């Protein structure tokens, strides 16, 4: 009798695996095809075997995009959620909102809440896994992929993963491509303090000075744009930050862009700027206070985002890169990823 039970259990497992494989193939053949941008991954998570670990921009969802009962279950690992997506530039999709109610229409991904020690504070975002966090690659190609993706303090080129999405939100990786534009962030200056530091007595700059480099990593020329007081860039808090920050600088509003603001980059060529975050251009408002992040946000994390579309170019040059590209995350005193 026991022998037959063992055979029955094995047969049931094989049947389940067959159904799962069949569903996967059906989604690959008929699912909606979208692209998702991967985010920098901690260099302590290396390439392992014949697959690459992936983390996406949508792997952490900011508190302002959470709906329904998700917040009440934020500490519950495995809680089912749905990420409603919206299409952006360069055919890339991002999260419009996260809910625990299955959407009736549109493109959405089914996922589950994940635990992330960096999201421990009330009011911060939530981490989500979608079942597409591993990319199987050709034998021996993983190291080359890692090298091209880059690491902290080096040029980072986002991998853009093509995903097939089923009607129920199940997603399957199809392929990947590389962003045509890469970015690096270096911290040229920083001031680290402790809890006992009296900021009024500090004479050194409190906020970092950053070096941002945009590099054309494609095989064809492309244009970038950075008019005015570096209005091609913005600074924003990461989804892991619980406090509500907003930029107070309005000098980029309705800025006029001319042909002189366009920078043509040949393949391999780079455009580099230095951004001093002590300057009013980068002041942020938080909790009723306004100033540089080094005064109010020593441990909160931010990104610099290259955003050519925000400067209002109505007739872009042929070859204009029109997406958004975030930098590595950083605090007032160190680079994080």
Protein backbone atom coordinates (compact mmCIF):
# COMPACT_ATOMS: atom_id res chain seq x y z
CA UNK A 1 0.00 0.00 0.00
CA UNK A 2 2.81 2.36 0.94
CA UNK A 3 4.44 1.73 -2.43
CA UNK A 4 1.32 2.87 -4.28
CA UNK A 5 1.05 5.99 -2.11
CA UNK A 6 4.63 6.91 -2.95
CA UNK A 7 3.95 6.42 -6.66
CA UNK A 8 0.77 8.50 -6.38
CA UNK A 9 2.63 11.34 -4.64
CA UNK A 10 5.36 11.35 -7.28
CA UNK A 11 2.78 11.33 -10.06
CA UNK A 12 0.95 14.25 -8.45
CA UNK A 13 4.17 16.26 -8.20
CA UNK A 14 5.01 15.56 -11.83
CA UNK A 15 1.49 16.65 -12.83
CA UNK A 16 1.80 19.91 -10.90
CA UNK A 17 5.18 20.65 -12.48
CA UNK A 18 3.74 19.89 -15.90
CA UNK A 19 0.84 22.27 -15.35
CA UNK A 20 3.22 25.00 -14.17
CA UNK A 21 5.47 24.49 -17.19
CA UNK A 22 2.46 24.58 -19.48
CA UNK A 23 1.24 27.84 -17.94
CA UNK A 24 4.71 29.33 -18.34
CA UNK A 25 4.88 28.41 -22.03
CA UNK A 26 1.37 29.78 -22.62
CA UNK A 27 2.31 33.11 -21.04
CA UNK A 28 5.51 33.28 -23.10
CA UNK A 29 3.48 32.70 -26.26
CA UNK A 30 0.45 34.90 -25.58
CA UNK A 31 1.30 37.26 -22.71
CA UNK A 32 1.66 41.03 -22.96
CA UNK A 33 5.30 41.93 -23.55
CA UNK A 34 6.77 44.72 -21.45
CA UNK A 35 10.21 45.93 -20.34
CA UNK A 36 11.25 46.44 -16.71
CA UNK A 37 14.44 48.21 -15.67
CA UNK A 38 16.67 46.51 -13.14
CA UNK A 39 18.08 48.46 -10.23
CA UNK A 40 21.66 48.29 -8.96
CA UNK A 41 22.18 45.24 -6.76
CA UNK A 42 24.39 45.12 -3.70
CA UNK A 43 27.85 43.86 -4.74
CA UNK A 44 27.70 41.40 -1.83
CA UNK A 45 25.12 39.43 -3.86
CA UNK A 46 27.41 37.96 -6.54
CA UNK A 47 26.67 36.00 -9.67
CA UNK A 48 25.98 32.42 -8.67
CA UNK A 49 26.09 29.42 -10.98
CA UNK A 50 24.31 29.98 -14.29
CA UNK A 51 21.88 32.68 -13.23
CA UNK A 52 22.03 36.34 -12.26
CA UNK A 53 20.13 37.81 -9.32
CA UNK A 54 17.86 40.67 -10.38
CA UNK A 55 16.34 43.55 -8.49
CA UNK A 56 14.00 45.91 -10.29
CA UNK A 57 12.98 49.52 -9.89
CA UNK A 58 9.57 48.06 -8.98
CA UNK A 59 11.03 45.77 -6.29
CA UNK A 60 10.46 48.49 -3.69
CA UNK A 61 7.21 50.47 -3.85
CA UNK A 62 7.03 53.88 -2.15
CA UNK A 63 4.48 54.48 0.59
CA UNK A 64 2.61 57.02 -1.54
CA UNK A 65 1.77 54.33 -4.11
CA UNK A 66 0.27 51.82 -1.65
CA UNK A 67 -3.50 51.25 -1.69
CA UNK A 68 -6.06 48.96 -0.09
CA UNK A 69 -5.02 46.85 2.87
CA UNK A 70 -1.38 46.43 1.90
CA UNK A 71 -0.14 48.77 4.64
CA UNK A 72 -1.88 46.67 7.31
CA UNK A 73 0.07 43.61 6.13
CA UNK A 74 3.42 45.32 5.47
CA UNK A 75 5.27 43.00 7.89
CA UNK A 76 3.61 39.84 6.56
CA UNK A 77 6.05 38.06 4.26
CA UNK A 78 4.29 36.35 1.37
CA UNK A 79 1.17 38.51 1.49
CA UNK A 80 -0.27 38.59 -2.08
CA UNK A 81 -0.30 41.95 -3.87
CA UNK A 82 -0.78 43.36 -7.36
CA UNK A 83 1.41 46.05 -8.92
CA UNK A 84 -0.54 48.12 -11.44
CA UNK A 85 1.87 49.30 -14.12
CA UNK A 86 2.10 52.34 -16.35
CA UNK A 87 4.10 52.79 -19.52
CA UNK A 88 6.84 55.38 -19.64
CA UNK A 89 9.54 56.46 -22.05
CA UNK A 90 11.83 54.01 -23.82
CA UNK A 91 8.97 51.44 -23.56
CA UNK A 92 9.75 50.89 -19.88
CA UNK A 93 7.02 50.22 -17.32
CA UNK A 94 6.89 51.38 -13.70
CA UNK A 95 4.51 50.99 -10.77
CA UNK A 96 1.43 53.20 -10.79
CA UNK A 97 0.15 51.78 -7.51
CA UNK A 98 0.28 48.63 -5.36
CA UNK A 99 -2.90 46.99 -4.06
CA UNK A 100 -4.13 43.73 -2.55
CA UNK A 101 -7.20 43.75 -4.80
CA UNK A 102 -6.83 42.18 -8.24
CA UNK A 103 -7.28 44.88 -10.92
CA UNK A 104 -10.05 44.33 -13.43
CA UNK A 105 -8.10 45.71 -16.38
CA UNK A 106 -4.74 47.04 -17.48
CA UNK A 107 -1.29 45.51 -17.16
CA UNK A 108 -0.40 44.38 -13.66
CA UNK A 109 2.02 41.97 -11.97
CA UNK A 110 1.11 39.54 -9.23
CA UNK A 111 3.64 39.51 -6.42
CA UNK A 112 4.19 38.89 -2.74
CA UNK A 113 5.48 41.13 0.00
CA UNK A 114 9.06 40.48 0.99
CA UNK A 115 10.96 41.40 4.11
CA UNK A 116 13.63 44.08 3.94
CA UNK A 117 15.33 45.28 7.12
CA UNK A 118 15.84 48.67 5.47
CA UNK A 119 12.05 49.16 5.38
CA UNK A 120 11.49 48.76 9.10
CA UNK A 121 10.11 52.22 9.80
CA UNK A 122 6.39 52.95 9.76
CA UNK A 123 5.45 54.96 6.71
CA UNK A 124 8.23 53.66 4.47
CA UNK A 125 7.75 51.65 1.29
CA UNK A 126 7.38 47.90 0.94
CA UNK A 127 9.52 45.28 -0.80
CA UNK A 128 7.83 43.02 -3.37
CA UNK A 129 8.98 39.91 -5.22
CA UNK A 130 7.36 38.90 -8.50
CA UNK A 131 8.96 35.54 -9.26
CA UNK A 132 11.28 37.05 -11.89
CA UNK A 133 14.26 37.75 -9.66
CA UNK A 134 16.56 35.21 -11.32
CA UNK A 135 17.75 35.31 -14.92
CA UNK A 136 19.24 32.08 -16.27
CA UNK A 137 22.05 32.81 -18.70
CA UNK A 138 24.36 30.98 -21.05
CA UNK A 139 27.12 28.99 -19.39
CA UNK A 140 30.04 31.25 -18.52
CA UNK A 141 28.37 34.55 -19.51
CA UNK A 142 27.42 35.67 -16.01
CA UNK A 143 30.68 37.46 -15.24
CA UNK A 144 30.44 39.48 -18.45
CA UNK A 145 26.89 40.50 -17.54
CA UNK A 146 28.00 41.55 -14.06
CA UNK A 147 30.87 43.58 -15.49
CA UNK A 148 28.59 45.43 -17.88
CA UNK A 149 25.98 46.14 -15.22
CA UNK A 150 28.68 47.75 -13.09
CA UNK A 151 29.03 48.16 -9.33
CA UNK A 152 29.17 50.89 -6.73
CA UNK A 153 31.43 53.81 -7.74
CA UNK A 154 31.66 52.58 -11.35
CA UNK A 155 29.62 53.12 -14.50
CA UNK A 156 26.31 51.29 -14.12
CA UNK A 157 24.30 50.26 -17.17
CA UNK A 158 20.73 49.18 -16.42
CA UNK A 159 19.61 45.83 -17.77
CA UNK A 160 16.09 46.12 -19.20
CA UNK A 161 14.33 42.79 -18.86
CA UNK A 162 11.62 41.78 -21.33
CA UNK A 163 8.78 40.10 -19.46
CA UNK A 164 5.64 38.34 -20.70
CA UNK A 165 2.63 39.03 -18.48
CA UNK A 166 -0.41 36.75 -18.27
CA UNK A 167 -3.97 37.92 -17.72
CA UNK A 168 -3.76 37.03 -14.02
CA UNK A 169 -0.55 38.99 -13.47
CA UNK A 170 1.88 36.07 -13.62
CA UNK A 171 5.13 37.17 -15.26
CA UNK A 172 7.82 35.20 -17.09
CA UNK A 173 11.20 36.50 -18.31
CA UNK A 174 11.61 36.37 -22.09
CA UNK A 175 14.87 38.19 -22.79
CA UNK A 176 16.80 41.32 -21.90
CA UNK A 177 18.43 44.31 -23.49
CA UNK A 178 20.78 47.03 -22.26
CA UNK A 179 20.02 50.71 -21.72
CA UNK A 180 21.69 52.92 -24.30
CA UNK A 181 22.84 55.26 -21.54
CA UNK A 182 24.87 54.43 -18.44
CA UNK A 183 25.49 56.51 -15.32
CA UNK A 184 28.09 56.67 -12.59
CA UNK A 185 28.02 58.57 -9.30
CA UNK A 186 31.08 59.49 -7.26
CA UNK A 187 31.09 61.34 -3.96
CA UNK A 188 33.81 63.98 -4.20
CA UNK A 189 33.15 65.39 -0.73
CA UNK A 190 31.13 64.40 2.30
CA UNK A 191 30.85 65.20 5.99
CA UNK A 192 30.01 62.42 8.41
CA UNK A 193 28.69 63.34 11.82
CA UNK A 194 27.43 61.58 14.94
CA UNK A 195 24.49 62.27 17.22
CA UNK A 196 26.50 64.62 19.40
CA UNK A 197 27.58 66.89 16.57
CA UNK A 198 26.39 70.49 16.95
CA UNK A 199 25.61 71.43 13.36
CA UNK A 200 25.74 75.14 14.16
CA UNK A 201 29.42 74.75 15.06
CA UNK A 202 30.38 72.82 11.92
CA UNK A 203 32.29 74.98 9.44
CA UNK A 204 32.67 72.34 6.73
CA UNK A 205 29.94 71.72 4.11
CA UNK A 206 27.29 69.36 5.50
CA UNK A 207 26.06 67.98 2.18
CA UNK A 208 28.05 66.01 -0.37
CA UNK A 209 29.46 67.11 -3.67
CA UNK A 210 28.70 64.60 -6.40
CA UNK A 211 30.23 63.80 -9.76
CA UNK A 212 27.65 62.45 -12.19
CA UNK A 213 28.70 60.92 -15.51
CA UNK A 214 26.38 59.95 -18.37
CA UNK A 215 27.99 57.70 -20.97
CA UNK A 216 26.71 56.56 -24.34
CA UNK A 217 27.08 52.78 -24.23
CA UNK A 218 25.25 52.16 -27.51
CA UNK A 219 26.64 51.72 -31.02
CA UNK A 220 25.15 54.96 -32.36
CA UNK A 221 25.37 58.66 -31.45
CA UNK A 222 22.78 60.02 -29.04
CA UNK A 223 21.92 63.37 -27.47
CA UNK A 224 21.54 64.35 -23.82
CA UNK A 225 20.30 67.70 -22.54
CA UNK A 226 21.08 69.64 -19.37
CA UNK A 227 19.85 73.26 -19.59
CA UNK A 228 19.97 76.03 -17.02
CA UNK A 229 21.13 75.17 -13.52
CA UNK A 230 21.45 71.45 -14.31
CA UNK A 231 17.72 71.19 -14.97
CA UNK A 232 18.29 67.90 -16.76
CA UNK A 233 18.63 66.34 -13.29
CA UNK A 234 16.50 66.10 -10.17
CA UNK A 235 17.08 64.71 -6.70
CA UNK A 236 14.47 62.50 -5.04
CA UNK A 237 14.27 60.28 -1.94
CA UNK A 238 14.34 56.54 -2.47
CA UNK A 239 11.24 54.43 -1.85
CA UNK A 240 12.79 53.28 1.44
CA UNK A 241 12.52 56.75 2.99
CA UNK A 242 9.54 57.29 5.29
CA UNK A 243 9.70 61.08 5.52
CA UNK A 244 8.10 63.20 2.81
CA UNK A 245 10.67 65.30 0.93
CA UNK A 246 10.00 67.82 -1.80
CA UNK A 247 12.29 70.04 -3.84
CA UNK A 248 11.92 73.77 -3.21
CA UNK A 249 13.80 74.95 -6.29
CA UNK A 250 11.54 76.22 -9.08
CA UNK A 251 14.17 77.64 -11.41
CA UNK A 252 13.67 74.79 -13.88
CA UNK A 253 9.98 75.46 -14.32
CA UNK A 254 9.13 76.45 -17.91
CA UNK A 255 12.81 76.63 -18.81
CA UNK A 256 13.57 77.32 -22.46
CA UNK A 257 15.79 74.81 -24.22
CA UNK A 258 17.90 75.71 -27.23
CA UNK A 259 20.10 73.71 -29.53
CA UNK A 260 23.09 74.84 -27.49
CA UNK A 261 21.77 72.79 -24.57
CA UNK A 262 21.95 69.56 -26.55
CA UNK A 263 25.09 67.49 -26.03
CA UNK A 264 25.90 64.92 -28.69
CA UNK A 265 27.67 61.83 -27.40
CA UNK A 266 29.46 59.54 -29.81
CA UNK A 267 29.56 55.84 -28.86
CA UNK A 268 31.66 55.56 -25.70
CA UNK A 269 31.68 59.33 -25.10
CA UNK A 270 30.60 60.76 -21.72
CA UNK A 271 29.10 63.93 -20.23
CA UNK A 272 30.19 64.76 -16.66
CA UNK A 273 28.82 67.32 -14.19
CA UNK A 274 29.54 68.20 -10.57
CA UNK A 275 26.53 68.79 -8.32
CA UNK A 276 27.17 70.56 -5.01
CA UNK A 277 24.25 69.65 -2.77
CA UNK A 278 25.00 72.53 -0.39
CA UNK A 279 23.67 74.93 -3.03
CA UNK A 280 20.04 76.18 -2.88
CA UNK A 281 19.41 74.41 -6.21
CA UNK A 282 19.24 71.14 -4.25
CA UNK A 283 17.44 72.26 -1.10
CA UNK A 284 14.63 70.00 0.11
CA UNK A 285 11.64 70.60 2.34
CA UNK A 286 10.82 68.01 5.02
CA UNK A 287 8.79 68.20 8.23
CA UNK A 288 8.29 71.95 7.89
CA UNK A 289 12.01 72.61 7.52
CA UNK A 290 13.91 73.62 4.40
CA UNK A 291 17.58 73.30 3.62
CA UNK A 292 20.36 71.03 2.43
CA UNK A 293 20.04 67.29 3.01
CA UNK A 294 23.19 67.20 5.12
CA UNK A 295 21.38 69.16 7.83
CA UNK A 296 18.13 67.21 7.98
CA UNK A 297 18.69 63.84 6.31
CA UNK A 298 21.94 62.30 7.47
CA UNK A 299 20.65 58.71 7.15
CA UNK A 300 17.89 59.05 4.55
CA UNK A 301 18.78 57.95 1.03
CA UNK A 302 18.36 59.73 -2.29
CA UNK A 303 19.01 59.34 -6.00
CA UNK A 304 19.92 61.79 -8.74
CA UNK A 305 17.66 61.19 -11.74
CA UNK A 306 18.54 62.27 -15.26
CA UNK A 307 15.23 63.45 -16.75
CA UNK A 308 15.44 65.06 -20.21
CA UNK A 309 11.66 64.88 -20.71
CA UNK A 310 11.11 67.23 -17.76
CA UNK A 311 12.73 70.19 -19.51
CA UNK A 312 9.97 70.35 -22.09
CA UNK A 313 11.70 69.60 -25.39
CA UNK A 314 8.97 69.63 -28.00
CA UNK A 315 11.10 68.85 -31.06
CA UNK A 316 13.94 66.61 -29.84
CA UNK A 317 16.88 65.94 -32.07
CA UNK A 318 17.03 62.60 -33.80
CA UNK A 319 18.83 60.25 -31.43
CA UNK A 320 17.68 62.06 -28.28
CA UNK A 321 17.64 59.73 -25.27
CA UNK A 322 14.20 60.37 -23.76
CA UNK A 323 14.04 58.08 -20.73
CA UNK A 324 14.72 58.61 -17.04
CA UNK A 325 17.90 57.24 -15.50
CA UNK A 326 18.40 57.03 -11.71
CA UNK A 327 21.81 57.05 -10.07
CA UNK A 328 23.07 54.84 -7.29
CA UNK A 329 21.39 55.56 -3.97
CA UNK A 330 23.34 57.72 -1.53
CA UNK A 331 23.05 59.37 1.86
CA UNK A 332 24.69 62.59 2.99
CA UNK A 333 27.93 60.72 3.59
CA UNK A 334 28.15 57.55 1.49
CA UNK A 335 27.10 55.74 -1.70
CA UNK A 336 24.83 52.75 -1.05
CA UNK A 337 24.64 50.67 -4.24
